[in-house]
PDB file of N, CA and C in Angstrom:
ATOM      1  N   MET A   1     142.027 -66.024  35.299  1.00  0.00           N
ATOM      2  CA  MET A   1     140.739 -65.728  35.900  1.00  0.00           C
ATOM      3  C   MET A   1     140.076 -67.202  36.345  1.00  0.00           C
ATOM      4  N   PHE A   2     139.388 -67.407  37.056  1.00  0.00           N
ATOM      5  CA  PHE A   2     138.503 -68.177  37.622  1.00  0.00           C
ATOM      6  C   PHE A   2     137.135 -68.465  37.182  1.00  0.00           C
ATOM      7  N   ASP A   3     136.493 -69.523  36.768  1.00  0.00           N
ATOM      8  CA  ASP A   3     135.191 -69.455  36.163  1.00  0.00           C
ATOM      9  C   ASP A   3     134.396 -69.711  37.396  1.00  0.00           C
ATOM     10  N   SER A   4     133.217 -69.213  37.610  1.00  0.00           N
ATOM     11  CA  SER A   4     132.335 -69.167  38.860  1.00  0.00           C
ATOM     12  C   SER A   4     131.592 -70.462  38.513  1.00  0.00           C
ATOM     13  N   PRO A   5     131.268 -71.226  39.403  1.00  0.00           N
ATOM     14  CA  PRO A   5     130.577 -72.377  39.273  1.00  0.00           C
ATOM     15  C   PRO A   5     129.082 -72.046  38.633  1.00  0.00           C
ATOM     16  N   VAL A   6     128.456 -73.174  37.734  1.00  0.00           N
ATOM     17  CA  VAL A   6     127.376 -72.769  37.350  1.00  0.00           C
ATOM     18  C   VAL A   6     126.218 -73.428  38.071  1.00  0.00           C
ATOM     19  N   PRO A   7     125.116 -72.883  38.109  1.00  0.00           N
ATOM     20  CA  PRO A   7     123.815 -73.431  38.884  1.00  0.00           C
ATOM     21  C   PRO A   7     123.607 -74.717  38.438  1.00  0.00           C
ATOM     22  N   ALA A   8     123.308 -75.342  39.469  1.00  0.00           N
ATOM     23  CA  ALA A   8     123.271 -77.040  39.444  1.00  0.00           C
ATOM     24  C   ALA A   8     122.064 -77.626  40.160  1.00  0.00           C
ATOM     25  N   LEU A   9     121.543 -78.504  39.943  1.00  0.00           N
ATOM     26  CA  LEU A   9     120.638 -79.383  40.626  1.00  0.00           C
ATOM     27  C   LEU A   9     120.634 -80.859  40.521  1.00  0.00           C
ATOM     28  N   ASP A  10     120.192 -81.665  41.534  1.00  0.00           N
ATOM     29  CA  ASP A  10     120.094 -82.929  41.347  1.00  0.00           C
ATOM     30  C   ASP A  10     118.874 -83.251  40.306  1.00  0.00           C
ATOM     31  N   VAL A  11     119.200 -84.599  39.816  1.00  0.00           N
ATOM     32  CA  VAL A  11     117.966 -85.075  39.035  1.00  0.00           C
ATOM     33  C   VAL A  11     116.459 -84.934  39.501  1.00  0.00           C
ATOM     34  N   GLY A  12     116.614 -85.490  40.949  1.00  0.00           N
ATOM     35  CA  GLY A  12     115.335 -85.493  41.486  1.00  0.00           C
ATOM     36  C   GLY A  12     114.550 -84.273  41.578  1.00  0.00           C
ATOM     37  N   SER A  13     115.273 -83.230  41.368  1.00  0.00           N
ATOM     38  CA  SER A  13     114.602 -81.834  41.487  1.00  0.00           C
ATOM     39  C   SER A  13     114.224 -81.439  40.358  1.00  0.00           C
ATOM     40  N   VAL A  14     114.442 -81.920  39.202  1.00  0.00           N
ATOM     41  CA  VAL A  14     113.930 -81.254  37.972  1.00  0.00           C
ATOM     42  C   VAL A  14     112.583 -81.721  37.825  1.00  0.00           C
ATOM     43  N   PRO A  15     111.675 -80.681  37.745  1.00  0.00           N
ATOM     44  CA  PRO A  15     110.358 -80.820  37.688  1.00  0.00           C
ATOM     45  C   PRO A  15     109.612 -81.519  36.255  1.00  0.00           C
ATOM     46  N   GLY A  16     108.853 -82.413  36.654  1.00  0.00           N
ATOM     47  CA  GLY A  16     108.376 -83.302  35.243  1.00  0.00           C
ATOM     48  C   GLY A  16     107.880 -82.212  34.306  1.00  0.00           C
ATOM     49  N   ASP A  17     107.333 -81.039  34.416  1.00  0.00           N
ATOM     50  CA  ASP A  17     106.870 -80.090  33.424  1.00  0.00           C
ATOM     51  C   ASP A  17     108.171 -79.151  33.379  1.00  0.00           C
ATOM     52  N   GLY A  18     109.037 -79.286  33.648  1.00  0.00           N
ATOM     53  CA  GLY A  18     110.185 -78.240  33.413  1.00  0.00           C
ATOM     54  C   GLY A  18     110.783 -78.226  31.935  1.00  0.00           C
ATOM     55  N   TYR A  19     111.512 -77.262  31.466  1.00  0.00           N
ATOM     56  CA  TYR A  19     111.872 -77.350  30.151  1.00  0.00           C
ATOM     57  C   TYR A  19     113.292 -77.908  30.148  1.00  0.00           C
ATOM     58  N   LEU A  20     113.456 -78.997  29.839  1.00  0.00           N
ATOM     59  CA  LEU A  20     114.774 -79.837  29.878  1.00  0.00           C
ATOM     60  C   LEU A  20     115.393 -79.935  28.667  1.00  0.00           C
ATOM     61  N   LEU A  21     116.584 -79.375  28.587  1.00  0.00           N
ATOM     62  CA  LEU A  21     117.347 -79.286  27.340  1.00  0.00           C
ATOM     63  C   LEU A  21     118.591 -80.208  27.244  1.00  0.00           C
ATOM     64  N   ASP A  22     118.350 -81.169  26.474  1.00  0.00           N
ATOM     65  CA  ASP A  22     119.367 -82.235  26.205  1.00  0.00           C
ATOM     66  C   ASP A  22     120.433 -81.734  25.188  1.00  0.00           C
ATOM     67  N   VAL A  23     121.518 -81.634  25.580  1.00  0.00           N
ATOM     68  CA  VAL A  23     122.638 -81.174  24.572  1.00  0.00           C
ATOM     69  C   VAL A  23     123.513 -81.920  23.974  1.00  0.00           C
ATOM     70  N   ARG A  24     123.332 -83.600  24.059  1.00  0.00           N
ATOM     71  CA  ARG A  24     124.165 -84.688  23.823  1.00  0.00           C
ATOM     72  C   ARG A  24     124.066 -84.730  21.958  1.00  0.00           C
ATOM     73  N   GLU A  25     124.642 -85.768  21.742  1.00  0.00           N
ATOM     74  CA  GLU A  25     125.169 -85.948  20.258  1.00  0.00           C
ATOM     75  C   GLU A  25     123.480 -86.546  19.711  1.00  0.00           C
ATOM     76  N   HIS A  26     123.185 -86.837  18.511  1.00  0.00           N
ATOM     77  CA  HIS A  26     122.250 -87.328  17.827  1.00  0.00           C
ATOM     78  C   HIS A  26     122.112 -88.969  18.399  1.00  0.00           C
ATOM     79  N   ASP A  27     123.188 -89.467  18.383  1.00  0.00           N
ATOM     80  CA  ASP A  27     123.156 -90.954  18.427  1.00  0.00           C
ATOM     81  C   ASP A  27     123.035 -91.288  20.172  1.00  0.00           C
ATOM     82  N   GLU A  28     123.584 -90.369  20.889  1.00  0.00           N
ATOM     83  CA  GLU A  28     123.157 -90.560  22.057  1.00  0.00           C
ATOM     84  C   GLU A  28     121.532 -90.086  22.849  1.00  0.00           C
ATOM     85  N   TRP A  29     121.026 -89.166  22.101  1.00  0.00           N
ATOM     86  CA  TRP A  29     119.498 -88.877  21.844  1.00  0.00           C
ATOM     87  C   TRP A  29     118.748 -90.097  21.705  1.00  0.00           C
ATOM     88  N   GLN A  30     119.214 -90.576  20.524  1.00  0.00           N
ATOM     89  CA  GLN A  30     118.175 -91.571  19.852  1.00  0.00           C
ATOM     90  C   GLN A  30     118.352 -92.898  20.841  1.00  0.00           C
ATOM     91  N   ALA A  31     119.392 -93.261  21.530  1.00  0.00           N
ATOM     92  CA  ALA A  31     119.693 -94.578  22.237  1.00  0.00           C
ATOM     93  C   ALA A  31     118.639 -94.341  23.492  1.00  0.00           C
ATOM     94  N   GLY A  32     118.389 -93.000  24.136  1.00  0.00           N
ATOM     95  CA  GLY A  32     117.520 -92.659  25.094  1.00  0.00           C
ATOM     96  C   GLY A  32     117.560 -91.592  25.691  1.00  0.00           C
ATOM     97  N   HIS A  33     116.386 -90.849  26.149  1.00  0.00           N
ATOM     98  CA  HIS A  33     116.475 -89.624  26.576  1.00  0.00           C
ATOM     99  C   HIS A  33     115.064 -89.427  27.493  1.00  0.00           C
ATOM    100  N   ALA A  34     114.858 -88.421  28.027  1.00  0.00           N
ATOM    101  CA  ALA A  34     113.841 -88.218  28.968  1.00  0.00           C
ATOM    102  C   ALA A  34     112.688 -87.732  28.265  1.00  0.00           C
ATOM    103  N   PRO A  35     111.334 -88.168  28.276  1.00  0.00           N
ATOM    104  CA  PRO A  35     110.352 -87.803  27.590  1.00  0.00           C
ATOM    105  C   PRO A  35     110.100 -86.492  27.895  1.00  0.00           C
ATOM    106  N   GLY A  36     109.795 -85.761  26.763  1.00  0.00           N
ATOM    107  CA  GLY A  36     109.344 -84.579  26.893  1.00  0.00           C
ATOM    108  C   GLY A  36     110.370 -83.190  26.577  1.00  0.00           C
ATOM    109  N   ALA A  37     111.703 -83.987  26.737  1.00  0.00           N
ATOM    110  CA  ALA A  37     113.097 -83.047  26.427  1.00  0.00           C
ATOM    111  C   ALA A  37     113.335 -82.685  25.287  1.00  0.00           C
ATOM    112  N   VAL A  38     114.006 -81.614  25.205  1.00  0.00           N
ATOM    113  CA  VAL A  38     114.188 -80.771  23.799  1.00  0.00           C
ATOM    114  C   VAL A  38     115.691 -81.113  23.480  1.00  0.00           C
ATOM    115  N   HIS A  39     116.011 -81.562  22.203  1.00  0.00           N
ATOM    116  CA  HIS A  39     116.953 -82.022  21.804  1.00  0.00           C
ATOM    117  C   HIS A  39     117.910 -80.968  21.123  1.00  0.00           C
ATOM    118  N   ILE A  40     118.924 -80.058  21.638  1.00  0.00           N
ATOM    119  CA  ILE A  40     119.784 -79.510  20.636  1.00  0.00           C
ATOM    120  C   ILE A  40     121.016 -79.586  21.067  1.00  0.00           C
ATOM    121  N   PRO A  41     121.939 -80.261  20.163  1.00  0.00           N
ATOM    122  CA  PRO A  41     123.091 -80.624  20.510  1.00  0.00           C
ATOM    123  C   PRO A  41     124.220 -79.518  20.854  1.00  0.00           C
ATOM    124  N   LEU A  42     125.067 -79.586  21.763  1.00  0.00           N
ATOM    125  CA  LEU A  42     125.911 -78.531  22.061  1.00  0.00           C
ATOM    126  C   LEU A  42     126.461 -77.662  21.052  1.00  0.00           C
ATOM    127  N   HIS A  43     126.937 -78.680  19.921  1.00  0.00           N
ATOM    128  CA  HIS A  43     127.453 -77.837  18.791  1.00  0.00           C
ATOM    129  C   HIS A  43     126.704 -76.973  17.878  1.00  0.00           C
ATOM    130  N   GLU A  44     125.176 -77.073  18.283  1.00  0.00           N
ATOM    131  CA  GLU A  44     124.275 -76.339  17.490  1.00  0.00           C
ATOM    132  C   GLU A  44     123.676 -75.293  18.340  1.00  0.00           C
ATOM    133  N   LEU A  45     123.852 -75.226  19.578  1.00  0.00           N
ATOM    134  CA  LEU A  45     123.294 -74.239  20.413  1.00  0.00           C
ATOM    135  C   LEU A  45     123.403 -72.923  19.927  1.00  0.00           C
ATOM    136  N   ALA A  46     124.462 -72.537  19.768  1.00  0.00           N
ATOM    137  CA  ALA A  46     124.532 -71.013  19.310  1.00  0.00           C
ATOM    138  C   ALA A  46     123.793 -70.579  18.076  1.00  0.00           C
ATOM    139  N   GLN A  47     123.260 -71.526  17.260  1.00  0.00           N
ATOM    140  CA  GLN A  47     122.827 -71.131  15.953  1.00  0.00           C
ATOM    141  C   GLN A  47     121.355 -71.367  16.245  1.00  0.00           C
ATOM    142  N   ARG A  48     120.780 -72.194  17.606  1.00  0.00           N
ATOM    143  CA  ARG A  48     119.572 -72.552  17.680  1.00  0.00           C
ATOM    144  C   ARG A  48     119.103 -71.857  18.995  1.00  0.00           C
ATOM    145  N   ALA A  49     119.754 -71.078  19.645  1.00  0.00           N
ATOM    146  CA  ALA A  49     119.627 -70.831  21.114  1.00  0.00           C
ATOM    147  C   ALA A  49     117.953 -69.867  20.879  1.00  0.00           C
ATOM    148  N   GLY A  50     117.567 -69.568  19.853  1.00  0.00           N
ATOM    149  CA  GLY A  50     116.241 -68.701  19.932  1.00  0.00           C
ATOM    150  C   GLY A  50     115.267 -69.711  20.048  1.00  0.00           C
ATOM    151  N   GLU A  51     115.360 -70.775  19.838  1.00  0.00           N
ATOM    152  CA  GLU A  51     114.514 -72.068  20.162  1.00  0.00           C
ATOM    153  C   GLU A  51     113.976 -72.248  21.576  1.00  0.00           C
ATOM    154  N   VAL A  52     115.181 -71.774  22.677  1.00  0.00           N
ATOM    155  CA  VAL A  52     115.100 -71.983  23.903  1.00  0.00           C
ATOM    156  C   VAL A  52     114.252 -70.838  24.701  1.00  0.00           C
ATOM    157  N   PRO A  53     113.215 -71.095  25.285  1.00  0.00           N
ATOM    158  CA  PRO A  53     112.416 -69.842  25.918  1.00  0.00           C
ATOM    159  C   PRO A  53     113.207 -69.247  27.025  1.00  0.00           C
ATOM    160  N   ARG A  54     113.020 -67.968  26.788  1.00  0.00           N
ATOM    161  CA  ARG A  54     113.832 -67.028  27.942  1.00  0.00           C
ATOM    162  C   ARG A  54     112.813 -66.794  29.173  1.00  0.00           C
ATOM    163  N   GLU A  55     111.747 -66.944  28.979  1.00  0.00           N
ATOM    164  CA  GLU A  55     110.628 -66.707  30.119  1.00  0.00           C
ATOM    165  C   GLU A  55     110.548 -67.764  31.172  1.00  0.00           C
ATOM    166  N   GLN A  56     111.486 -68.655  31.278  1.00  0.00           N
ATOM    167  CA  GLN A  56     111.239 -69.955  32.132  1.00  0.00           C
ATOM    168  C   GLN A  56     112.498 -70.632  32.592  1.00  0.00           C
ATOM    169  N   GLN A  57     112.800 -71.129  33.750  1.00  0.00           N
ATOM    170  CA  GLN A  57     113.797 -71.786  33.990  1.00  0.00           C
ATOM    171  C   GLN A  57     113.984 -73.060  32.757  1.00  0.00           C
ATOM    172  N   VAL A  58     115.494 -73.293  32.558  1.00  0.00           N
ATOM    173  CA  VAL A  58     115.881 -74.032  31.705  1.00  0.00           C
ATOM    174  C   VAL A  58     116.895 -75.111  32.208  1.00  0.00           C
ATOM    175  N   TYR A  59     116.587 -76.538  32.120  1.00  0.00           N
ATOM    176  CA  TYR A  59     117.223 -77.515  32.925  1.00  0.00           C
ATOM    177  C   TYR A  59     117.958 -78.052  31.930  1.00  0.00           C
ATOM    178  N   VAL A  60     119.433 -78.359  31.999  1.00  0.00           N
ATOM    179  CA  VAL A  60     120.252 -78.658  30.791  1.00  0.00           C
ATOM    180  C   VAL A  60     120.917 -79.770  31.358  1.00  0.00           C
ATOM    181  N   VAL A  61     120.688 -80.920  30.237  1.00  0.00           N
ATOM    182  CA  VAL A  61     121.498 -82.255  30.629  1.00  0.00           C
ATOM    183  C   VAL A  61     122.342 -82.882  29.580  1.00  0.00           C
ATOM    184  N   CYS A  62     123.325 -83.467  29.807  1.00  0.00           N
ATOM    185  CA  CYS A  62     124.168 -84.262  28.802  1.00  0.00           C
ATOM    186  C   CYS A  62     124.317 -85.809  29.363  1.00  0.00           C
ATOM    187  N   ARG A  63     125.284 -86.367  28.978  1.00  0.00           N
ATOM    188  CA  ARG A  63     125.693 -87.559  29.568  1.00  0.00           C
ATOM    189  C   ARG A  63     125.980 -87.765  31.023  1.00  0.00           C
ATOM    190  N   SER A  64     127.025 -86.690  31.351  1.00  0.00           N
ATOM    191  CA  SER A  64     127.593 -86.747  32.707  1.00  0.00           C
ATOM    192  C   SER A  64     127.711 -85.242  33.640  1.00  0.00           C
ATOM    193  N   GLY A  65     127.348 -84.388  32.672  1.00  0.00           N
ATOM    194  CA  GLY A  65     127.319 -83.126  33.239  1.00  0.00           C
ATOM    195  C   GLY A  65     128.159 -82.068  32.639  1.00  0.00           C
ATOM    196  N   GLY A  66     129.222 -82.569  32.189  1.00  0.00           N
ATOM    197  CA  GLY A  66     130.490 -81.556  31.463  1.00  0.00           C
ATOM    198  C   GLY A  66     129.921 -80.701  30.400  1.00  0.00           C
ATOM    199  N   ARG A  67     129.341 -81.284  29.282  1.00  0.00           N
ATOM    200  CA  ARG A  67     128.731 -80.250  28.148  1.00  0.00           C
ATOM    201  C   ARG A  67     127.410 -79.487  28.504  1.00  0.00           C
ATOM    202  N   SER A  68     126.883 -80.086  29.484  1.00  0.00           N
ATOM    203  CA  SER A  68     125.523 -79.339  29.846  1.00  0.00           C
ATOM    204  C   SER A  68     125.965 -77.858  30.641  1.00  0.00           C
ATOM    205  N   ALA A  69     127.132 -78.258  31.495  1.00  0.00           N
ATOM    206  CA  ALA A  69     127.741 -77.144  32.430  1.00  0.00           C
ATOM    207  C   ALA A  69     128.011 -75.878  31.194  1.00  0.00           C
ATOM    208  N   GLN A  70     128.877 -76.469  30.190  1.00  0.00           N
ATOM    209  CA  GLN A  70     129.243 -75.372  29.153  1.00  0.00           C
ATOM    210  C   GLN A  70     127.744 -74.587  28.561  1.00  0.00           C
ATOM    211  N   ALA A  71     126.854 -75.503  28.228  1.00  0.00           N
ATOM    212  CA  ALA A  71     125.814 -74.818  27.815  1.00  0.00           C
ATOM    213  C   ALA A  71     125.095 -74.089  28.786  1.00  0.00           C
ATOM    214  N   VAL A  72     125.064 -74.168  30.090  1.00  0.00           N
ATOM    215  CA  VAL A  72     124.506 -73.280  31.012  1.00  0.00           C
ATOM    216  C   VAL A  72     125.146 -71.971  31.296  1.00  0.00           C
ATOM    217  N   ARG A  73     126.375 -72.274  31.298  1.00  0.00           N
ATOM    218  CA  ARG A  73     127.327 -70.987  31.206  1.00  0.00           C
ATOM    219  C   ARG A  73     127.029 -70.104  30.320  1.00  0.00           C
ATOM    220  N   ALA A  74     126.969 -70.639  28.901  1.00  0.00           N
ATOM    221  CA  ALA A  74     126.697 -69.664  27.536  1.00  0.00           C
ATOM    222  C   ALA A  74     125.254 -69.179  27.681  1.00  0.00           C
ATOM    223  N   LEU A  75     124.246 -70.008  28.189  1.00  0.00           N
ATOM    224  CA  LEU A  75     122.946 -69.436  28.413  1.00  0.00           C
ATOM    225  C   LEU A  75     122.704 -68.416  29.070  1.00  0.00           C
ATOM    226  N   ASN A  76     123.336 -68.859  30.367  1.00  0.00           N
ATOM    227  CA  ASN A  76     123.010 -67.588  31.511  1.00  0.00           C
ATOM    228  C   ASN A  76     123.946 -66.406  31.245  1.00  0.00           C
ATOM    229  N   ASP A  77     124.986 -66.512  30.555  1.00  0.00           N
ATOM    230  CA  ASP A  77     125.692 -65.226  29.933  1.00  0.00           C
ATOM    231  C   ASP A  77     124.985 -64.582  29.132  1.00  0.00           C
ATOM    232  N   ALA A  78     124.036 -65.142  28.408  1.00  0.00           N
ATOM    233  CA  ALA A  78     123.185 -64.472  27.262  1.00  0.00           C
ATOM    234  C   ALA A  78     121.870 -64.087  27.849  1.00  0.00           C
ATOM    235  N   GLY A  79     121.659 -64.197  29.148  1.00  0.00           N
ATOM    236  CA  GLY A  79     120.292 -63.935  29.717  1.00  0.00           C
ATOM    237  C   GLY A  79     119.353 -64.808  30.084  1.00  0.00           C
ATOM    238  N   TRP A  80     119.662 -65.992  29.751  1.00  0.00           N
ATOM    239  CA  TRP A  80     118.466 -67.016  30.097  1.00  0.00           C
ATOM    240  C   TRP A  80     118.884 -67.567  31.517  1.00  0.00           C
ATOM    241  N   GLN A  81     117.865 -68.027  32.252  1.00  0.00           N
ATOM    242  CA  GLN A  81     118.147 -68.783  33.499  1.00  0.00           C
ATOM    243  C   GLN A  81     118.228 -70.380  33.321  1.00  0.00           C
ATOM    244  N   ALA A  82     119.385 -70.789  33.381  1.00  0.00           N
ATOM    245  CA  ALA A  82     119.835 -72.123  33.270  1.00  0.00           C
ATOM    246  C   ALA A  82     120.176 -72.806  34.446  1.00  0.00           C
ATOM    247  N   ALA A  83     119.994 -74.017  34.551  1.00  0.00           N
ATOM    248  CA  ALA A  83     120.731 -74.737  35.502  1.00  0.00           C
ATOM    249  C   ALA A  83     121.399 -76.315  34.966  1.00  0.00           C
ATOM    250  N   ASN A  84     122.539 -76.610  35.399  1.00  0.00           N
ATOM    251  CA  ASN A  84     123.044 -78.086  34.968  1.00  0.00           C
ATOM    252  C   ASN A  84     122.225 -78.975  35.782  1.00  0.00           C
ATOM    253  N   VAL A  85     122.077 -80.033  35.152  1.00  0.00           N
ATOM    254  CA  VAL A  85     121.404 -81.178  35.854  1.00  0.00           C
ATOM    255  C   VAL A  85     122.671 -82.047  36.310  1.00  0.00           C
ATOM    256  N   THR A  86     123.187 -82.193  37.578  1.00  0.00           N
ATOM    257  CA  THR A  86     124.308 -82.750  37.995  1.00  0.00           C
ATOM    258  C   THR A  86     124.025 -84.423  37.679  1.00  0.00           C
ATOM    259  N   GLY A  87     125.310 -84.838  37.399  1.00  0.00           N
ATOM    260  CA  GLY A  87     125.482 -86.174  36.992  1.00  0.00           C
ATOM    261  C   GLY A  87     124.854 -86.622  35.740  1.00  0.00           C
ATOM    262  N   GLY A  88     124.061 -85.706  34.802  1.00  0.00           N
ATOM    263  CA  GLY A  88     123.533 -86.049  33.573  1.00  0.00           C
ATOM    264  C   GLY A  88     122.664 -87.080  33.302  1.00  0.00           C
ATOM    265  N   MET A  89     122.328 -87.631  32.192  1.00  0.00           N
ATOM    266  CA  MET A  89     121.619 -88.635  31.922  1.00  0.00           C
ATOM    267  C   MET A  89     121.860 -90.065  32.516  1.00  0.00           C
ATOM    268  N   GLN A  90     123.509 -90.145  32.931  1.00  0.00           N
ATOM    269  CA  GLN A  90     123.566 -91.210  33.908  1.00  0.00           C
ATOM    270  C   GLN A  90     123.195 -91.397  35.053  1.00  0.00           C
ATOM    271  N   ALA A  91     123.028 -90.157  35.795  1.00  0.00           N
ATOM    272  CA  ALA A  91     122.445 -90.056  37.045  1.00  0.00           C
ATOM    273  C   ALA A  91     121.001 -89.929  36.969  1.00  0.00           C
ATOM    274  N   TRP A  92     120.130 -89.732  35.755  1.00  0.00           N
ATOM    275  CA  TRP A  92     118.808 -89.786  35.466  1.00  0.00           C
ATOM    276  C   TRP A  92     118.455 -91.195  35.442  1.00  0.00           C
ATOM    277  N   ALA A  93     119.204 -91.798  34.471  1.00  0.00           N
ATOM    278  CA  ALA A  93     118.991 -93.379  34.461  1.00  0.00           C
ATOM    279  C   ALA A  93     118.898 -94.146  35.850  1.00  0.00           C
ATOM    280  N   LEU A  94     120.170 -93.755  36.578  1.00  0.00           N
ATOM    281  CA  LEU A  94     120.430 -94.412  37.896  1.00  0.00           C
ATOM    282  C   LEU A  94     119.124 -94.367  38.944  1.00  0.00           C
ATOM    283  N   ALA A  95     118.586 -92.880  38.739  1.00  0.00           N
ATOM    284  CA  ALA A  95     117.571 -92.427  39.577  1.00  0.00           C
ATOM    285  C   ALA A  95     116.180 -93.125  39.268  1.00  0.00           C
ATOM    286  N   GLY A  96     116.382 -93.980  38.467  1.00  0.00           N
ATOM    287  CA  GLY A  96     115.000 -94.410  37.981  1.00  0.00           C
ATOM    288  C   GLY A  96     113.824 -93.655  37.114  1.00  0.00           C
ATOM    289  N   ARG A  97     114.444 -92.351  36.611  1.00  0.00           N
ATOM    290  CA  ARG A  97     113.358 -91.410  36.174  1.00  0.00           C
ATOM    291  C   ARG A  97     113.270 -92.044  34.492  1.00  0.00           C
ATOM    292  N   GLU A  98     112.038 -91.610  34.133  1.00  0.00           N
ATOM    293  CA  GLU A  98     111.590 -92.356  32.980  1.00  0.00           C
ATOM    294  C   GLU A  98     112.567 -91.697  31.988  1.00  0.00           C
ATOM    295  N   MET A  99     112.559 -92.941  30.802  1.00  0.00           N
ATOM    296  CA  MET A  99     113.429 -92.759  29.666  1.00  0.00           C
ATOM    297  C   MET A  99     112.513 -93.331  28.224  1.00  0.00           C
ATOM    298  N   THR A 100     113.119 -92.735  27.269  1.00  0.00           N
ATOM    299  CA  THR A 100     112.535 -93.299  26.049  1.00  0.00           C
ATOM    300  C   THR A 100     113.451 -93.279  24.948  1.00  0.00           C
ATOM    301  N   SER A 101     113.354 -93.964  23.938  1.00  0.00           N
ATOM    302  CA  SER A 101     114.372 -93.827  22.864  1.00  0.00           C
ATOM    303  C   SER A 101     113.785 -93.808  21.420  1.00  0.00           C
ATOM    304  N   GLU A 102     114.409 -93.503  20.526  1.00  0.00           N
ATOM    305  CA  GLU A 102     113.960 -93.293  19.202  1.00  0.00           C
ATOM    306  C   GLU A 102     113.832 -94.526  18.268  1.00  0.00           C
ATOM    307  N   ASN A 103     114.490 -95.612  19.087  1.00  0.00           N
ATOM    308  CA  ASN A 103     114.427 -96.918  18.142  1.00  0.00           C
ATOM    309  C   ASN A 103     113.550 -97.916  18.939  1.00  0.00           C
ATOM    310  N   GLU A 104     113.794 -99.139  18.333  1.00  0.00           N
ATOM    311  CA  GLU A 104     112.772-100.422  18.961  1.00  0.00           C
ATOM    312  C   GLU A 104     113.480-100.808  20.400  1.00  0.00           C
ATOM    313  N   ALA A 105     114.589-100.402  20.689  1.00  0.00           N
ATOM    314  CA  ALA A 105     115.461-100.947  21.673  1.00  0.00           C
ATOM    315  C   ALA A 105     114.970-100.264  22.883  1.00  0.00           C
ATOM    316  N   ASP A 106     115.335-100.901  24.267  1.00  0.00           N
ATOM    317  CA  ASP A 106     115.079-100.240  25.430  1.00  0.00           C
ATOM    318  C   ASP A 106     115.861 -99.112  25.642  1.00  0.00           C
ATOM    319  N   PRO A 107     115.552 -97.886  26.106  1.00  0.00           N
ATOM    320  CA  PRO A 107     116.091 -96.620  26.299  1.00  0.00           C
ATOM    321  C   PRO A 107     117.380 -96.938  27.134  1.00  0.00           C
ATOM    322  N   GLN A 108     118.666 -96.629  26.775  1.00  0.00           N
ATOM    323  CA  GLN A 108     119.950 -96.475  27.433  1.00  0.00           C
ATOM    324  C   GLN A 108     120.763 -95.284  27.198  1.00  0.00           C
ATOM    325  N   VAL A 109     121.650 -95.078  28.414  1.00  0.00           N
ATOM    326  CA  VAL A 109     122.508 -93.855  28.116  1.00  0.00           C
ATOM    327  C   VAL A 109     123.795 -94.441  27.557  1.00  0.00           C
ATOM    328  N   ILE A 110     124.195 -93.828  26.556  1.00  0.00           N
ATOM    329  CA  ILE A 110     125.694 -94.394  25.917  1.00  0.00           C
ATOM    330  C   ILE A 110     126.782 -92.924  25.945  1.00  0.00           C
TER     331      ILE A 110
END
């Protein structure tokens, strides 16, 4: 059986006030992430899905788009409206979108 493609959009289409869910690991998050994003690592999503609002569109991001595509498929199968951010945080950084870090260093995508 073939998996259907997940809904996706480019980084420039993610609204500044949208619900951005970052599913990367803790070290990736700490190195650099979008301001206002919510961090739930992919391996914790099943247990923490209740923290993700069902009443609004969810934009899911990881480093390059693979893990976020898995998260989007799982969320949509469970009744959420989610879309994958194409190219992930690598594309986010290349597009010059704002980033912050959890340490004193300049934000970066690792």
